[in-house]
Amino acid sequence: MNVGVLGSGSVGQALAGKLAELGHDVVLGTRDPANVAEKKGYAPSLGEWLATVAGAARLGTFAEAAAHGELIVNALNGLVAVETLKPLAASLAGKVMIDITNPLDFSRGMPPSVLTYDGASLAEELQRTLPETRVVKSLNTLTAALMVNPRLLADGDHTVFVAGDDAAAKAEVTALLRSFGWGDILDLGDLSAARGLELWLPLWLQLFGVLGRPAFNLKIVR
């Protein structure tokens, strides 16, 4: 399957690398594909990342990644996702988009606040902005390494969530998550559930500070 991953930080790199490993044809969208020396936070430079995927994925602009993908992964900075994706609406129409980002505002220090849109989530705002795109919220409650390899923690015995308004889109995302190794996938219902998923992040960051490592997750016991 052709997949466009929008956002080339550590999360986008992890998802694009895993998708390429699974045999998908991946374009990783970034602002300047020619700048392979660029580093984003703790992520490798894009050149270093390309060396790890050994030709299984390639770089492109955001527009090229959006046009390429039958499936889209939104791994952009949550604070600029809406303005970045809005001009790509025509390329994204009819496609499933997994929104894995969080709109965290660190401008007033720690802990960050979660940006909301009249009380709604970023995922809901993306769905309003891109009405012909089928948005599914998932994976935003995890560190990047666990997103693509749940067995790194508790042999995979922990929970990942999906939320969205389109049942077929959620089924497609669920199948992809299973290909990553996820077994405990909990459907939270429509896209309004993304509000709670995004609001988990300040507590996630607090736990990261207390535990000293990002490899932790929720397990829903029923």
Protein backbone atom coordinates (compact mmCIF):
# COMPACT_ATOMS: atom_id res chain seq x y z
CA MET A 1 0.00 0.00 0.00
CA ASN A 2 1.15 3.55 -0.68
CA VAL A 3 1.48 5.50 2.58
CA GLY A 4 2.21 9.18 3.10
CA VAL A 5 3.63 10.11 6.50
CA LEU A 6 3.42 13.85 7.16
CA GLY A 7 6.00 15.03 9.68
CA SER A 8 9.64 13.98 9.86
CA GLY A 9 10.45 14.16 13.56
CA SER A 10 11.09 11.09 15.69
CA VAL A 11 7.46 9.92 15.54
CA GLY A 12 7.15 10.33 11.79
CA GLN A 13 10.50 8.59 11.29
CA ALA A 14 9.45 5.66 13.49
CA LEU A 15 6.13 5.18 11.71
CA ALA A 16 7.58 5.56 8.23
CA GLY A 17 10.39 3.13 9.03
CA LYS A 18 7.99 0.50 10.38
CA LEU A 19 5.63 0.86 7.44
CA ALA A 20 8.52 0.47 5.00
CA GLU A 21 9.74 -2.58 6.93
CA LEU A 22 6.29 -4.12 6.47
CA GLY A 23 6.55 -3.66 2.72
CA HIS A 24 4.51 -0.50 2.19
CA ASP A 25 5.61 2.14 -0.31
CA VAL A 26 6.31 5.12 1.94
CA VAL A 27 6.96 8.81 1.33
CA LEU A 28 7.96 10.77 4.44
CA GLY A 29 6.79 14.35 4.04
CA THR A 30 8.98 17.17 5.33
CA ARG A 31 9.27 20.91 4.68
CA ASP A 32 12.59 20.67 2.82
CA PRO A 33 13.42 17.17 1.49
CA ALA A 34 16.79 18.40 0.23
CA ASN A 35 17.95 19.29 3.74
CA VAL A 36 18.97 15.79 4.82
CA ALA A 37 21.28 17.22 7.51
CA GLU A 38 18.30 18.65 9.41
CA LYS A 39 17.79 17.30 12.92
CA LYS A 40 14.52 17.63 14.84
CA GLY A 41 14.83 17.28 18.59
CA TYR A 42 16.25 13.91 19.58
CA ALA A 43 15.53 12.33 16.20
CA PRO A 44 18.36 11.38 13.83
CA SER A 45 19.00 13.69 10.90
CA LEU A 46 16.95 12.85 7.86
CA GLY A 47 20.11 11.60 6.15
CA GLU A 48 20.86 9.26 9.05
CA TRP A 49 17.27 8.04 9.00
CA LEU A 50 17.38 7.38 5.26
CA ALA A 51 20.46 5.23 5.80
CA THR A 52 18.54 3.05 8.29
CA VAL A 53 15.66 2.39 5.89
CA ALA A 54 18.08 1.56 3.03
CA GLY A 55 15.89 2.77 0.17
CA ALA A 56 12.65 1.31 1.53
CA ALA A 57 11.20 4.80 2.03
CA ARG A 58 11.94 8.20 0.55
CA LEU A 59 11.56 11.86 1.38
CA GLY A 60 9.13 14.27 -0.26
CA THR A 61 7.33 17.49 0.43
CA PHE A 62 4.12 17.46 2.43
CA ALA A 63 2.20 17.81 -0.82
CA GLU A 64 4.06 14.89 -2.42
CA ALA A 65 3.48 12.64 0.60
CA ALA A 66 -0.22 13.55 0.69
CA ALA A 67 -0.64 12.83 -3.02
CA HIS A 68 1.31 9.56 -2.79
CA GLY A 69 -0.52 7.98 0.11
CA GLU A 70 -3.60 5.84 -0.09
CA LEU A 71 -3.30 5.95 3.70
CA ILE A 72 -2.04 9.07 5.47
CA VAL A 73 -0.32 9.38 8.85
CA ASN A 74 -0.45 12.81 10.48
CA ALA A 75 2.72 13.09 12.57
CA LEU A 76 3.01 16.87 12.33
CA ASN A 77 3.53 19.24 15.24
CA GLY A 78 0.04 19.46 16.68
CA LEU A 79 0.10 23.25 16.87
CA VAL A 80 0.57 23.65 13.10
CA ALA A 81 -1.25 20.56 11.82
CA VAL A 82 -4.45 22.31 10.76
CA GLU A 83 -2.74 25.11 8.83
CA THR A 84 -0.33 22.65 7.19
CA LEU A 85 -2.98 20.14 6.13
CA LYS A 86 -5.71 22.54 5.00
CA PRO A 87 -4.04 23.37 1.63
CA LEU A 88 -3.72 19.62 0.97
CA ALA A 89 -7.47 18.94 1.24
CA ALA A 90 -7.87 17.88 -2.40
CA SER A 91 -5.05 15.31 -2.16
CA LEU A 92 -6.42 13.98 1.13
CA ALA A 93 -10.05 13.65 -0.01
CA GLY A 94 -11.48 10.16 0.41
CA LYS A 95 -8.41 8.85 2.24
CA VAL A 96 -8.03 7.47 5.74
CA MET A 97 -5.80 9.64 7.91
CA ILE A 98 -4.43 8.35 11.21
CA ASP A 99 -3.99 11.36 13.46
CA ILE A 100 -1.28 10.48 15.99
CA THR A 101 -0.34 14.00 17.05
CA ASN A 102 -1.08 16.10 20.13
CA PRO A 103 -1.66 19.87 20.26
CA LEU A 104 0.67 20.61 23.18
CA ASP A 105 1.49 24.23 24.00
CA PHE A 106 4.79 24.60 25.89
CA SER A 107 4.88 28.41 25.62
CA ARG A 108 4.22 28.83 29.36
CA GLY A 109 6.57 26.07 30.41
CA MET A 110 5.80 22.74 32.02
CA PRO A 111 3.37 21.16 32.27
CA PRO A 112 2.07 22.09 28.82
CA SER A 113 -1.51 22.97 28.11
CA VAL A 114 -3.53 21.08 25.51
CA LEU A 115 -4.87 23.36 22.79
CA THR A 116 -8.59 22.84 22.23
CA TYR A 117 -10.92 24.11 19.54
CA ASP A 118 -14.01 25.45 21.32
CA GLY A 119 -13.71 22.47 23.66
CA ALA A 120 -13.13 19.97 20.86
CA SER A 121 -9.99 18.02 20.02
CA LEU A 122 -7.41 18.56 17.31
CA ALA A 123 -8.70 15.41 15.59
CA GLU A 124 -12.22 16.88 15.43
CA GLU A 125 -10.86 20.17 14.08
CA LEU A 126 -8.97 18.26 11.40
CA GLN A 127 -12.16 16.42 10.48
CA ARG A 128 -14.01 19.75 10.20
CA THR A 129 -11.20 21.24 8.11
CA LEU A 130 -10.94 18.14 5.90
CA PRO A 131 -14.55 16.93 5.65
CA GLU A 132 -13.79 14.46 2.83
CA THR A 133 -10.92 12.83 4.74
CA ARG A 134 -11.71 9.98 7.13
CA VAL A 135 -9.86 10.88 10.33
CA VAL A 136 -9.05 8.21 12.93
CA LYS A 137 -7.32 9.12 16.20
CA SER A 138 -4.84 6.53 17.44
CA LEU A 139 -1.32 5.98 18.83
CA ASN A 140 -1.08 9.48 20.35
CA THR A 141 -0.93 8.09 23.91
CA LEU A 142 2.41 6.32 23.39
CA THR A 143 6.08 6.97 22.84
CA ALA A 144 7.18 6.37 19.25
CA ALA A 145 9.05 3.10 19.87
CA LEU A 146 5.97 1.50 21.46
CA MET A 147 3.68 2.71 18.68
CA VAL A 148 5.43 0.45 16.19
CA ASN A 149 6.62 -2.32 18.54
CA PRO A 150 4.24 -2.94 21.46
CA ARG A 151 6.23 -6.01 22.54
CA LEU A 152 8.93 -3.72 23.92
CA LEU A 153 6.70 -3.43 27.01
CA ALA A 154 5.03 -6.29 28.95
CA ASP A 155 5.30 -8.54 25.88
CA GLY A 156 2.70 -6.34 24.18
CA ASP A 157 0.04 -6.78 26.88
CA HIS A 158 -1.19 -3.19 26.99
CA THR A 159 -3.83 -1.08 25.27
CA VAL A 160 -3.97 1.15 22.22
CA PHE A 161 -7.08 3.15 21.36
CA VAL A 162 -8.89 4.11 18.18
CA ALA A 163 -11.63 6.70 17.72
CA GLY A 164 -13.35 7.93 14.58
CA ASP A 165 -16.64 8.60 12.87
CA ASP A 166 -16.14 6.14 9.99
CA ALA A 167 -16.38 2.45 10.92
CA ALA A 168 -14.59 1.25 7.78
CA ALA A 169 -11.73 3.67 8.39
CA LYS A 170 -11.36 2.42 11.96
CA ALA A 171 -11.32 -1.16 10.69
CA GLU A 172 -8.50 -0.27 8.26
CA VAL A 173 -6.50 1.39 11.04
CA THR A 174 -7.13 -1.55 13.37
CA ALA A 175 -5.76 -3.96 10.76
CA LEU A 176 -2.65 -1.81 10.43
CA LEU A 177 -2.18 -1.76 14.21
CA ARG A 178 -2.40 -5.54 14.27
CA SER A 179 0.36 -5.66 11.66
CA PHE A 180 2.50 -3.67 14.11
CA GLY A 181 1.88 -6.36 16.74
CA TRP A 182 -1.00 -4.81 18.68
CA GLY A 183 -3.51 -7.23 20.18
CA ASP A 184 -5.40 -5.10 22.73
CA ILE A 185 -7.07 -2.46 20.54
CA LEU A 186 -9.97 -0.63 22.17
CA ASP A 187 -12.48 1.25 20.00
CA LEU A 188 -13.64 4.30 21.99
CA GLY A 189 -16.39 5.27 19.55
CA ASP A 190 -16.71 8.44 17.53
CA LEU A 191 -14.10 11.15 17.10
CA SER A 192 -15.24 13.10 20.16
CA ALA A 193 -13.33 10.46 22.17
CA ALA A 194 -10.13 12.09 20.88
CA ARG A 195 -10.69 14.84 23.48
CA GLY A 196 -9.84 12.45 26.28
CA LEU A 197 -6.98 10.85 24.36
CA GLU A 198 -5.33 14.22 23.79
CA LEU A 199 -5.89 15.34 27.39
CA TRP A 200 -3.95 12.29 28.60
CA LEU A 201 -0.70 13.87 27.42
CA PRO A 202 0.01 16.24 30.35
CA LEU A 203 -0.28 13.27 32.70
CA TRP A 204 1.87 11.19 30.34
CA LEU A 205 4.59 13.84 30.53
CA GLN A 206 4.31 13.96 34.33
CA LEU A 207 4.70 10.18 34.49
CA PHE A 208 7.68 10.37 32.14
CA GLY A 209 9.34 12.76 34.57
CA VAL A 210 8.63 10.54 37.57
CA LEU A 211 9.53 7.23 35.90
CA GLY A 212 12.51 8.56 33.99
CA ARG A 213 11.68 6.64 30.81
CA PRO A 214 9.00 6.80 28.12
CA ALA A 215 8.31 3.07 27.75
CA PHE A 216 5.08 2.85 29.74
CA ASN A 217 1.41 2.62 28.81
CA LEU A 218 -2.11 2.00 30.01
CA LYS A 219 -3.64 -1.45 30.28
CA ILE A 220 -7.44 -1.47 30.46
CA VAL A 221 -8.53 -4.34 32.72
CA ARG A 222 -12.15 -5.41 32.35
